PDB file of all heavy atoms in Angstrom:
ATOM      1  N   PRO A   1     -14.698  -2.418 -43.431  1.00  0.00           N
ATOM      2  CA  PRO A   1     -14.587  -1.264 -44.336  1.00  0.00           C
ATOM      3  C   PRO A   1     -13.542  -0.277 -43.818  1.00  0.00           C
ATOM      4  O   PRO A   1     -13.757   0.415 -42.823  1.00  0.00           O
ATOM      5  CB  PRO A   1     -15.999  -0.656 -44.314  1.00  0.00           C
ATOM      6  CG  PRO A   1     -16.611  -1.129 -43.030  1.00  0.00           C
ATOM      7  CD  PRO A   1     -16.001  -2.470 -42.736  1.00  0.00           C
ATOM      8  N   LEU A   2     -12.406  -0.197 -44.475  1.00  0.00           N
ATOM      9  CA  LEU A   2     -11.250   0.531 -43.945  1.00  0.00           C
ATOM     10  C   LEU A   2     -11.501   2.023 -43.797  1.00  0.00           C
ATOM     11  O   LEU A   2     -10.870   2.683 -42.965  1.00  0.00           O
ATOM     12  CB  LEU A   2     -10.043   0.283 -44.848  1.00  0.00           C
ATOM     13  CG  LEU A   2      -9.594  -1.182 -44.931  1.00  0.00           C
ATOM     14  CD1 LEU A   2      -8.405  -1.325 -45.863  1.00  0.00           C
ATOM     15  CD2 LEU A   2      -9.250  -1.712 -43.548  1.00  0.00           C
ATOM     16  N   ASP A   3     -12.394   2.568 -44.593  1.00  0.00           N
ATOM     17  CA  ASP A   3     -12.678   4.003 -44.490  1.00  0.00           C
ATOM     18  C   ASP A   3     -13.274   4.366 -43.136  1.00  0.00           C
ATOM     19  O   ASP A   3     -13.231   5.530 -42.724  1.00  0.00           O
ATOM     20  CB  ASP A   3     -13.629   4.440 -45.606  1.00  0.00           C
ATOM     21  CG  ASP A   3     -12.978   4.379 -46.980  1.00  0.00           C
ATOM     22  OD1 ASP A   3     -11.727   4.342 -47.032  1.00  0.00           O
ATOM     23  OD2 ASP A   3     -13.703   4.367 -47.988  1.00  0.00           O
ATOM     24  N   ASP A   4     -13.842   3.375 -42.434  1.00  0.00           N
ATOM     25  CA  ASP A   4     -14.481   3.649 -41.141  1.00  0.00           C
ATOM     26  C   ASP A   4     -13.498   3.614 -39.976  1.00  0.00           C
ATOM     27  O   ASP A   4     -13.867   3.959 -38.847  1.00  0.00           O
ATOM     28  CB  ASP A   4     -15.590   2.618 -40.868  1.00  0.00           C
ATOM     29  CG  ASP A   4     -16.722   2.716 -41.874  1.00  0.00           C
ATOM     30  OD1 ASP A   4     -16.813   3.743 -42.564  1.00  0.00           O
ATOM     31  OD2 ASP A   4     -17.505   1.753 -41.975  1.00  0.00           O
ATOM     32  N   LEU A   5     -12.255   3.197 -40.233  1.00  0.00           N
ATOM     33  CA  LEU A   5     -11.309   3.009 -39.135  1.00  0.00           C
ATOM     34  C   LEU A   5     -11.038   4.310 -38.384  1.00  0.00           C
ATOM     35  O   LEU A   5     -10.860   4.307 -37.153  1.00  0.00           O
ATOM     36  CB  LEU A   5      -9.992   2.426 -39.668  1.00  0.00           C
ATOM     37  CG  LEU A   5      -8.984   1.972 -38.615  1.00  0.00           C
ATOM     38  CD1 LEU A   5      -9.578   0.871 -37.738  1.00  0.00           C
ATOM     39  CD2 LEU A   5      -7.699   1.482 -39.290  1.00  0.00           C
ATOM     40  N   VAL A   6     -11.031   5.425 -39.071  1.00  0.00           N
ATOM     41  CA  VAL A   6     -10.726   6.708 -38.422  1.00  0.00           C
ATOM     42  C   VAL A   6     -11.820   7.110 -37.435  1.00  0.00           C
ATOM     43  O   VAL A   6     -11.598   7.973 -36.578  1.00  0.00           O
ATOM     44  CB  VAL A   6     -10.539   7.823 -39.473  1.00  0.00           C
ATOM     45  CG1 VAL A   6      -9.312   7.543 -40.322  1.00  0.00           C
ATOM     46  CG2 VAL A   6     -11.785   7.967 -40.343  1.00  0.00           C
ATOM     47  N   ASP A   7     -13.004   6.514 -37.548  1.00  0.00           N
ATOM     48  CA  ASP A   7     -14.120   6.867 -36.671  1.00  0.00           C
ATOM     49  C   ASP A   7     -14.254   5.907 -35.491  1.00  0.00           C
ATOM     50  O   ASP A   7     -15.165   6.059 -34.673  1.00  0.00           O
ATOM     51  CB  ASP A   7     -15.435   6.868 -37.460  1.00  0.00           C
ATOM     52  CG  ASP A   7     -15.436   7.908 -38.580  1.00  0.00           C
ATOM     53  OD1 ASP A   7     -14.915   9.008 -38.355  1.00  0.00           O
ATOM     54  OD2 ASP A   7     -15.945   7.593 -39.676  1.00  0.00           O
ATOM     55  N   GLU A   8     -13.367   4.921 -35.392  1.00  0.00           N
ATOM     56  CA  GLU A   8     -13.447   3.946 -34.301  1.00  0.00           C
ATOM     57  C   GLU A   8     -12.722   4.488 -33.065  1.00  0.00           C
ATOM     58  O   GLU A   8     -11.543   4.804 -33.132  1.00  0.00           O
ATOM     59  CB  GLU A   8     -12.822   2.615 -34.713  1.00  0.00           C
ATOM     60  CG  GLU A   8     -13.524   1.918 -35.855  1.00  0.00           C
ATOM     61  CD  GLU A   8     -14.867   1.339 -35.454  1.00  0.00           C
ATOM     62  OE1 GLU A   8     -15.158   1.304 -34.235  1.00  0.00           O
ATOM     63  OE2 GLU A   8     -15.622   0.919 -36.345  1.00  0.00           O
ATOM     64  N   PRO A   9     -13.411   4.564 -31.924  1.00  0.00           N
ATOM     65  CA  PRO A   9     -12.732   5.052 -30.704  1.00  0.00           C
ATOM     66  C   PRO A   9     -11.801   4.025 -30.080  1.00  0.00           C
ATOM     67  O   PRO A   9     -10.819   4.388 -29.434  1.00  0.00           O
ATOM     68  CB  PRO A   9     -13.904   5.367 -29.763  1.00  0.00           C
ATOM     69  CG  PRO A   9     -15.009   4.470 -30.219  1.00  0.00           C
ATOM     70  CD  PRO A   9     -14.846   4.334 -31.710  1.00  0.00           C
ATOM     71  N   LEU A  10     -12.081   2.727 -30.289  1.00  0.00           N
ATOM     72  CA  LEU A  10     -11.265   1.680 -29.676  1.00  0.00           C
ATOM     73  C   LEU A  10     -11.289   0.431 -30.555  1.00  0.00           C
ATOM     74  O   LEU A  10     -12.358  -0.057 -30.915  1.00  0.00           O
ATOM     75  CB  LEU A  10     -11.786   1.335 -28.281  1.00  0.00           C
ATOM     76  CG  LEU A  10     -11.119   0.168 -27.558  1.00  0.00           C
ATOM     77  CD1 LEU A  10      -9.644   0.437 -27.336  1.00  0.00           C
ATOM     78  CD2 LEU A  10     -11.805  -0.102 -26.222  1.00  0.00           C
ATOM     79  N   VAL A  11     -10.099  -0.075 -30.881  1.00  0.00           N
ATOM     80  CA  VAL A  11      -9.974  -1.266 -31.720  1.00  0.00           C
ATOM     81  C   VAL A  11      -8.972  -2.222 -31.072  1.00  0.00           C
ATOM     82  O   VAL A  11      -7.878  -1.811 -30.678  1.00  0.00           O
ATOM     83  CB  VAL A  11      -9.500  -0.925 -33.146  1.00  0.00           C
ATOM     84  CG1 VAL A  11      -9.520  -2.183 -34.018  1.00  0.00           C
ATOM     85  CG2 VAL A  11     -10.347   0.166 -33.768  1.00  0.00           C
ATOM     86  N   ILE A  12      -9.358  -3.487 -30.970  1.00  0.00           N
ATOM     87  CA  ILE A  12      -8.465  -4.535 -30.505  1.00  0.00           C
ATOM     88  C   ILE A  12      -8.046  -5.355 -31.718  1.00  0.00           C
ATOM     89  O   ILE A  12      -8.900  -5.895 -32.427  1.00  0.00           O
ATOM     90  CB  ILE A  12      -9.142  -5.457 -29.466  1.00  0.00           C
ATOM     91  CG1 ILE A  12      -9.786  -4.620 -28.343  1.00  0.00           C
ATOM     92  CG2 ILE A  12      -8.136  -6.449 -28.900  1.00  0.00           C
ATOM     93  CD1 ILE A  12      -8.832  -3.756 -27.565  1.00  0.00           C
ATOM     94  N   PHE A  13      -6.740  -5.441 -31.966  1.00  0.00           N
ATOM     95  CA  PHE A  13      -6.213  -6.205 -33.095  1.00  0.00           C
ATOM     96  C   PHE A  13      -5.597  -7.505 -32.585  1.00  0.00           C
ATOM     97  O   PHE A  13      -4.806  -7.494 -31.638  1.00  0.00           O
ATOM     98  CB  PHE A  13      -5.133  -5.408 -33.836  1.00  0.00           C
ATOM     99  CG  PHE A  13      -5.624  -4.158 -34.506  1.00  0.00           C
ATOM    100  CD1 PHE A  13      -5.624  -2.952 -33.831  1.00  0.00           C
ATOM    101  CD2 PHE A  13      -6.077  -4.183 -35.818  1.00  0.00           C
ATOM    102  CE1 PHE A  13      -6.061  -1.785 -34.445  1.00  0.00           C
ATOM    103  CE2 PHE A  13      -6.517  -3.024 -36.443  1.00  0.00           C
ATOM    104  CZ  PHE A  13      -6.515  -1.819 -35.753  1.00  0.00           C
ATOM    105  N   VAL A  14      -5.958  -8.611 -33.228  1.00  0.00           N
ATOM    106  CA  VAL A  14      -5.369  -9.914 -32.919  1.00  0.00           C
ATOM    107  C   VAL A  14      -4.854 -10.483 -34.231  1.00  0.00           C
ATOM    108  O   VAL A  14      -5.620 -10.642 -35.183  1.00  0.00           O
ATOM    109  CB  VAL A  14      -6.392 -10.883 -32.299  1.00  0.00           C
ATOM    110  CG1 VAL A  14      -5.717 -12.206 -31.951  1.00  0.00           C
ATOM    111  CG2 VAL A  14      -7.045 -10.271 -31.069  1.00  0.00           C
ATOM    112  N   CYS A  15      -3.556 -10.762 -34.297  1.00  0.00           N
ATOM    113  CA  CYS A  15      -3.025 -11.273 -35.558  1.00  0.00           C
ATOM    114  C   CYS A  15      -1.915 -12.277 -35.314  1.00  0.00           C
ATOM    115  O   CYS A  15      -1.164 -12.181 -34.344  1.00  0.00           O
ATOM    116  CB  CYS A  15      -2.546 -10.144 -36.464  1.00  0.00           C
ATOM    117  SG  CYS A  15      -1.119  -9.235 -35.857  1.00  0.00           S
ATOM    118  N   SER A  16      -1.835 -13.231 -36.194  1.00  0.00           N
ATOM    119  CA  SER A  16      -0.781 -14.233 -36.153  1.00  0.00           C
ATOM    120  C   SER A  16       0.300 -13.864 -37.155  1.00  0.00           C
ATOM    121  O   SER A  16       0.116 -13.005 -38.023  1.00  0.00           O
ATOM    122  CB  SER A  16      -1.354 -15.615 -36.475  1.00  0.00           C
ATOM    123  OG  SER A  16      -1.945 -15.610 -37.766  1.00  0.00           O
ATOM    124  N   THR A  17       1.433 -14.527 -37.033  1.00  0.00           N
ATOM    125  CA  THR A  17       2.519 -14.385 -38.000  1.00  0.00           C
ATOM    126  C   THR A  17       2.721 -15.736 -38.666  1.00  0.00           C
ATOM    127  O   THR A  17       2.843 -16.755 -37.990  1.00  0.00           O
ATOM    128  CB  THR A  17       3.821 -13.935 -37.317  1.00  0.00           C
ATOM    129  OG1 THR A  17       3.637 -12.634 -36.745  1.00  0.00           O
ATOM    130  CG2 THR A  17       4.971 -13.880 -38.321  1.00  0.00           C
ATOM    131  N   THR A  18       2.738 -15.754 -39.985  1.00  0.00           N
ATOM    132  CA  THR A  18       2.901 -17.005 -40.713  1.00  0.00           C
ATOM    133  C   THR A  18       4.306 -17.083 -41.290  1.00  0.00           C
ATOM    134  O   THR A  18       4.866 -16.073 -41.729  1.00  0.00           O
ATOM    135  CB  THR A  18       1.859 -17.123 -41.842  1.00  0.00           C
ATOM    136  OG1 THR A  18       2.116 -16.099 -42.814  1.00  0.00           O
ATOM    137  CG2 THR A  18       0.463 -16.962 -41.300  1.00  0.00           C
ATOM    138  N   GLY A  19       4.856 -18.280 -41.265  1.00  0.00           N
ATOM    139  CA  GLY A  19       6.199 -18.442 -41.804  1.00  0.00           C
ATOM    140  C   GLY A  19       7.193 -17.568 -41.073  1.00  0.00           C
ATOM    141  O   GLY A  19       7.126 -17.376 -39.858  1.00  0.00           O
ATOM    142  N   ASN A  20       8.104 -16.985 -41.816  1.00  0.00           N
ATOM    143  CA  ASN A  20       9.154 -16.157 -41.214  1.00  0.00           C
ATOM    144  C   ASN A  20       8.807 -14.679 -41.338  1.00  0.00           C
ATOM    145  O   ASN A  20       9.483 -13.910 -42.020  1.00  0.00           O
ATOM    146  CB  ASN A  20      10.503 -16.445 -41.875  1.00  0.00           C
ATOM    147  CG  ASN A  20      11.668 -15.856 -41.086  1.00  0.00           C
ATOM    148  OD1 ASN A  20      11.536 -15.581 -39.892  1.00  0.00           O
ATOM    149  ND2 ASN A  20      12.788 -15.660 -41.752  1.00  0.00           N
ATOM    150  N   GLY A  21       7.713 -14.278 -40.672  1.00  0.00           N
ATOM    151  CA  GLY A  21       7.384 -12.856 -40.593  1.00  0.00           C
ATOM    152  C   GLY A  21       6.281 -12.373 -41.495  1.00  0.00           C
ATOM    153  O   GLY A  21       6.044 -11.171 -41.590  1.00  0.00           O
ATOM    154  N   ALA A  22       5.555 -13.275 -42.168  1.00  0.00           N
ATOM    155  CA  ALA A  22       4.517 -12.858 -43.108  1.00  0.00           C
ATOM    156  C   ALA A  22       3.196 -12.609 -42.395  1.00  0.00           C
ATOM    157  O   ALA A  22       2.920 -13.175 -41.344  1.00  0.00           O
ATOM    158  CB  ALA A  22       4.329 -13.918 -44.189  1.00  0.00           C
ATOM    159  N   GLU A  23       2.370 -11.746 -43.009  1.00  0.00           N
ATOM    160  CA  GLU A  23       1.048 -11.457 -42.473  1.00  0.00           C
ATOM    161  C   GLU A  23       0.058 -12.516 -42.963  1.00  0.00           C
ATOM    162  O   GLU A  23       0.221 -13.074 -44.046  1.00  0.00           O
ATOM    163  CB  GLU A  23       0.551 -10.071 -42.930  1.00  0.00           C
ATOM    164  CG  GLU A  23       1.457  -8.932 -42.571  1.00  0.00           C
ATOM    165  CD  GLU A  23       2.604  -8.778 -43.559  1.00  0.00           C
ATOM    166  OE1 GLU A  23       2.448  -9.184 -44.737  1.00  0.00           O
ATOM    167  OE2 GLU A  23       3.659  -8.277 -43.145  1.00  0.00           O
ATOM    168  N   PRO A  24      -0.993 -12.791 -42.198  1.00  0.00           N
ATOM    169  CA  PRO A  24      -2.054 -13.685 -42.676  1.00  0.00           C
ATOM    170  C   PRO A  24      -2.726 -13.103 -43.911  1.00  0.00           C
ATOM    171  O   PRO A  24      -2.776 -11.877 -44.087  1.00  0.00           O
ATOM    172  CB  PRO A  24      -3.027 -13.757 -41.493  1.00  0.00           C
ATOM    173  CG  PRO A  24      -2.248 -13.300 -40.312  1.00  0.00           C
ATOM    174  CD  PRO A  24      -1.244 -12.321 -40.822  1.00  0.00           C
ATOM    175  N   ARG A  25      -3.262 -13.961 -44.743  1.00  0.00           N
ATOM    176  CA  ARG A  25      -3.870 -13.493 -45.991  1.00  0.00           C
ATOM    177  C   ARG A  25      -5.045 -12.557 -45.751  1.00  0.00           C
ATOM    178  O   ARG A  25      -5.247 -11.603 -46.510  1.00  0.00           O
ATOM    179  CB  ARG A  25      -4.313 -14.695 -46.828  1.00  0.00           C
ATOM    180  CG  ARG A  25      -3.178 -15.370 -47.559  1.00  0.00           C
ATOM    181  CD  ARG A  25      -3.621 -16.643 -48.244  1.00  0.00           C
ATOM    182  NE  ARG A  25      -3.987 -17.673 -47.273  1.00  0.00           N
ATOM    183  CZ  ARG A  25      -4.401 -18.883 -47.602  1.00  0.00           C
ATOM    184  NH1 ARG A  25      -4.547 -19.212 -48.876  1.00  0.00           N
ATOM    185  NH2 ARG A  25      -4.698 -19.769 -46.664  1.00  0.00           N
ATOM    186  N   ASN A  26      -5.850 -12.808 -44.698  1.00  0.00           N
ATOM    187  CA  ASN A  26      -7.010 -11.939 -44.477  1.00  0.00           C
ATOM    188  C   ASN A  26      -6.655 -10.670 -43.715  1.00  0.00           C
ATOM    189  O   ASN A  26      -7.524  -9.992 -43.192  1.00  0.00           O
ATOM    190  CB  ASN A  26      -8.137 -12.689 -43.773  1.00  0.00           C
ATOM    191  CG  ASN A  26      -7.753 -13.184 -42.386  1.00  0.00           C
ATOM    192  OD1 ASN A  26      -6.618 -13.025 -41.942  1.00  0.00           O
ATOM    193  ND2 ASN A  26      -8.706 -13.792 -41.703  1.00  0.00           N
ATOM    194  N   MET A  27      -5.367 -10.347 -43.668  1.00  0.00           N
ATOM    195  CA  MET A  27      -4.898  -9.088 -43.085  1.00  0.00           C
ATOM    196  C   MET A  27      -4.231  -8.207 -44.131  1.00  0.00           C
ATOM    197  O   MET A  27      -4.003  -7.018 -43.904  1.00  0.00           O
ATOM    198  CB  MET A  27      -3.911  -9.390 -41.952  1.00  0.00           C
ATOM    199  CG  MET A  27      -3.226  -8.192 -41.336  1.00  0.00           C
ATOM    200  SD  MET A  27      -2.034  -8.696 -40.045  1.00  0.00           S
ATOM    201  CE  MET A  27      -1.204  -7.122 -39.735  1.00  0.00           C
ATOM    202  N   MET A  28      -3.939  -8.757 -45.307  1.00  0.00           N
ATOM    203  CA  MET A  28      -3.079  -8.072 -46.270  1.00  0.00           C
ATOM    204  C   MET A  28      -3.679  -6.787 -46.808  1.00  0.00           C
ATOM    205  O   MET A  28      -2.974  -5.786 -46.987  1.00  0.00           O
ATOM    206  CB  MET A  28      -2.739  -9.020 -47.426  1.00  0.00           C
ATOM    207  CG  MET A  28      -1.777 -10.127 -47.025  1.00  0.00           C
ATOM    208  SD  MET A  28      -1.343 -11.196 -48.415  1.00  0.00           S
ATOM    209  CE  MET A  28      -0.159 -12.293 -47.596  1.00  0.00           C
ATOM    210  N   THR A  29      -4.980  -6.779 -47.078  1.00  0.00           N
ATOM    211  CA  THR A  29      -5.595  -5.568 -47.628  1.00  0.00           C
ATOM    212  C   THR A  29      -5.491  -4.414 -46.648  1.00  0.00           C
ATOM    213  O   THR A  29      -5.101  -3.292 -47.017  1.00  0.00           O
ATOM    214  CB  THR A  29      -7.066  -5.827 -47.981  1.00  0.00           C
ATOM    215  OG1 THR A  29      -7.150  -6.874 -48.951  1.00  0.00           O
ATOM    216  CG2 THR A  29      -7.719  -4.568 -48.532  1.00  0.00           C
ATOM    217  N   LEU A  30      -5.825  -4.653 -45.385  1.00  0.00           N
ATOM    218  CA  LEU A  30      -5.713  -3.604 -44.372  1.00  0.00           C
ATOM    219  C   LEU A  30      -4.271  -3.158 -44.222  1.00  0.00           C
ATOM    220  O   LEU A  30      -3.990  -1.959 -44.139  1.00  0.00           O
ATOM    221  CB  LEU A  30      -6.261  -4.100 -43.034  1.00  0.00           C
ATOM    222  CG  LEU A  30      -6.140  -3.135 -41.851  1.00  0.00           C
ATOM    223  CD1 LEU A  30      -7.392  -3.186 -40.978  1.00  0.00           C
ATOM    224  CD2 LEU A  30      -4.912  -3.444 -40.995  1.00  0.00           C
ATOM    225  N   TRP A  31      -3.342  -4.113 -44.206  1.00  0.00           N
ATOM    226  CA  TRP A  31      -1.943  -3.770 -44.003  1.00  0.00           C
ATOM    227  C   TRP A  31      -1.403  -2.909 -45.147  1.00  0.00           C
ATOM    228  O   TRP A  31      -0.711  -1.913 -44.929  1.00  0.00           O
ATOM    229  CB  TRP A  31      -1.117  -5.040 -43.853  1.00  0.00           C
ATOM    230  CG  TRP A  31       0.341  -4.805 -43.639  1.00  0.00           C
ATOM    231  CD1 TRP A  31       1.373  -5.247 -44.402  1.00  0.00           C
ATOM    232  CD2 TRP A  31       0.945  -4.056 -42.582  1.00  0.00           C
ATOM    233  NE1 TRP A  31       2.568  -4.830 -43.897  1.00  0.00           N
ATOM    234  CE2 TRP A  31       2.339  -4.089 -42.775  1.00  0.00           C
ATOM    235  CE3 TRP A  31       0.440  -3.345 -41.496  1.00  0.00           C
ATOM    236  CZ2 TRP A  31       3.238  -3.447 -41.923  1.00  0.00           C
ATOM    237  CZ3 TRP A  31       1.331  -2.705 -40.640  1.00  0.00           C
ATOM    238  CH2 TRP A  31       2.713  -2.758 -40.864  1.00  0.00           C
ATOM    239  N   LYS A  32      -1.731  -3.268 -46.376  1.00  0.00           N
ATOM    240  CA  LYS A  32      -1.271  -2.480 -47.521  1.00  0.00           C
ATOM    241  C   LYS A  32      -1.852  -1.070 -47.488  1.00  0.00           C
ATOM    242  O   LYS A  32      -1.184  -0.100 -47.860  1.00  0.00           O
ATOM    243  CB  LYS A  32      -1.641  -3.179 -48.821  1.00  0.00           C
ATOM    244  CG  LYS A  32      -0.859  -4.462 -49.073  1.00  0.00           C
ATOM    245  CD  LYS A  32      -1.305  -5.135 -50.361  1.00  0.00           C
ATOM    246  CE  LYS A  32      -0.520  -6.419 -50.588  1.00  0.00           C
ATOM    247  NZ  LYS A  32      -0.966  -7.131 -51.825  1.00  0.00           N
ATOM    248  N   THR A  33      -3.094  -0.949 -47.023  1.00  0.00           N
ATOM    249  CA  THR A  33      -3.713   0.376 -46.930  1.00  0.00           C
ATOM    250  C   THR A  33      -3.014   1.227 -45.873  1.00  0.00           C
ATOM    251  O   THR A  33      -2.741   2.413 -46.086  1.00  0.00           O
ATOM    252  CB  THR A  33      -5.205   0.246 -46.593  1.00  0.00           C
ATOM    253  OG1 THR A  33      -5.856  -0.532 -47.607  1.00  0.00           O
ATOM    254  CG2 THR A  33      -5.870   1.616 -46.506  1.00  0.00           C
ATOM    255  N   LEU A  34      -2.711   0.617 -44.724  1.00  0.00           N
ATOM    256  CA  LEU A  34      -2.045   1.362 -43.654  1.00  0.00           C
ATOM    257  C   LEU A  34      -0.637   1.800 -44.054  1.00  0.00           C
ATOM    258  O   LEU A  34      -0.103   2.770 -43.508  1.00  0.00           O
ATOM    259  CB  LEU A  34      -1.974   0.515 -42.384  1.00  0.00           C
ATOM    260  CG  LEU A  34      -3.297   0.238 -41.663  1.00  0.00           C
ATOM    261  CD1 LEU A  34      -3.061  -0.661 -40.450  1.00  0.00           C
ATOM    262  CD2 LEU A  34      -3.965   1.535 -41.233  1.00  0.00           C
ATOM    263  N   LEU A  35      -0.030   1.103 -45.009  1.00  0.00           N
ATOM    264  CA  LEU A  35       1.339   1.432 -45.428  1.00  0.00           C
ATOM    265  C   LEU A  35       1.405   2.563 -46.449  1.00  0.00           C
ATOM    266  O   LEU A  35       2.508   2.982 -46.812  1.00  0.00           O
ATOM    267  CB  LEU A  35       2.013   0.184 -46.015  1.00  0.00           C
ATOM    268  CG  LEU A  35       2.431  -0.898 -45.012  1.00  0.00           C
ATOM    269  CD1 LEU A  35       3.055  -2.072 -45.753  1.00  0.00           C
ATOM    270  CD2 LEU A  35       3.392  -0.353 -43.975  1.00  0.00           C
ATOM    271  N   ARG A  36       0.274   3.051 -46.876  1.00  0.00           N
ATOM    272  CA  ARG A  36       0.290   4.130 -47.869  1.00  0.00           C
ATOM    273  C   ARG A  36       1.073   5.326 -47.350  1.00  0.00           C
ATOM    274  O   ARG A  36       0.884   5.780 -46.226  1.00  0.00           O
ATOM    275  CB  ARG A  36      -1.133   4.545 -48.222  1.00  0.00           C
ATOM    276  CG  ARG A  36      -1.857   3.585 -49.132  1.00  0.00           C
ATOM    277  CD  ARG A  36      -3.313   3.952 -49.292  1.00  0.00           C
ATOM    278  NE  ARG A  36      -3.530   5.394 -49.426  1.00  0.00           N
ATOM    279  CZ  ARG A  36      -4.732   5.973 -49.430  1.00  0.00           C
ATOM    280  NH1 ARG A  36      -5.822   5.220 -49.285  1.00  0.00           N
ATOM    281  NH2 ARG A  36      -4.842   7.275 -49.562  1.00  0.00           N
ATOM    282  N   SER A  37       1.947   5.865 -48.192  1.00  0.00           N
ATOM    283  CA  SER A  37       2.827   6.955 -47.768  1.00  0.00           C
ATOM    284  C   SER A  37       2.101   8.292 -47.653  1.00  0.00           C
ATOM    285  O   SER A  37       2.639   9.227 -47.030  1.00  0.00           O
ATOM    286  CB  SER A  37       3.985   7.094 -48.764  1.00  0.00           C
ATOM    287  OG  SER A  37       3.489   7.361 -50.077  1.00  0.00           O
ATOM    288  N   ASP A  38       0.915   8.407 -48.235  1.00  0.00           N
ATOM    289  CA  ASP A  38       0.209   9.687 -48.195  1.00  0.00           C
ATOM    290  C   ASP A  38      -0.703   9.826 -46.978  1.00  0.00           C
ATOM    291  O   ASP A  38      -1.420  10.821 -46.844  1.00  0.00           O
ATOM    292  CB  ASP A  38      -0.617   9.880 -49.473  1.00  0.00           C
ATOM    293  CG  ASP A  38      -1.664   8.785 -49.674  1.00  0.00           C
ATOM    294  OD1 ASP A  38      -1.527   7.702 -49.046  1.00  0.00           O
ATOM    295  OD2 ASP A  38      -2.615   9.003 -50.446  1.00  0.00           O
ATOM    296  N   LEU A  39      -0.694   8.860 -46.070  1.00  0.00           N
ATOM    297  CA  LEU A  39      -1.543   8.950 -44.885  1.00  0.00           C
ATOM    298  C   LEU A  39      -0.944   9.942 -43.885  1.00  0.00           C
ATOM    299  O   LEU A  39       0.256   9.891 -43.601  1.00  0.00           O
ATOM    300  CB  LEU A  39      -1.692   7.576 -44.219  1.00  0.00           C
ATOM    301  CG  LEU A  39      -2.384   6.491 -45.049  1.00  0.00           C
ATOM    302  CD1 LEU A  39      -2.435   5.182 -44.269  1.00  0.00           C
ATOM    303  CD2 LEU A  39      -3.785   6.926 -45.448  1.00  0.00           C
ATOM    304  N   PRO A  40      -1.742  10.847 -43.328  1.00  0.00           N
ATOM    305  CA  PRO A  40      -1.226  11.819 -42.358  1.00  0.00           C
ATOM    306  C   PRO A  40      -0.839  11.157 -41.042  1.00  0.00           C
ATOM    307  O   PRO A  40      -1.407  10.129 -40.661  1.00  0.00           O
ATOM    308  CB  PRO A  40      -2.397  12.787 -42.170  1.00  0.00           C
ATOM    309  CG  PRO A  40      -3.612  11.996 -42.534  1.00  0.00           C
ATOM    310  CD  PRO A  40      -3.189  11.039 -43.599  1.00  0.00           C
TER     311      PRO A  40
END
């Protein structure tokens, strides 16, 4: 649940790269949310 990320004191991220620089499919929702321009 992405709304809870701001309350996490420590997060370890492990991710692969597919093809020539693409994100894995089960990472796309989080990635698109983090890219929002209105985030402080």
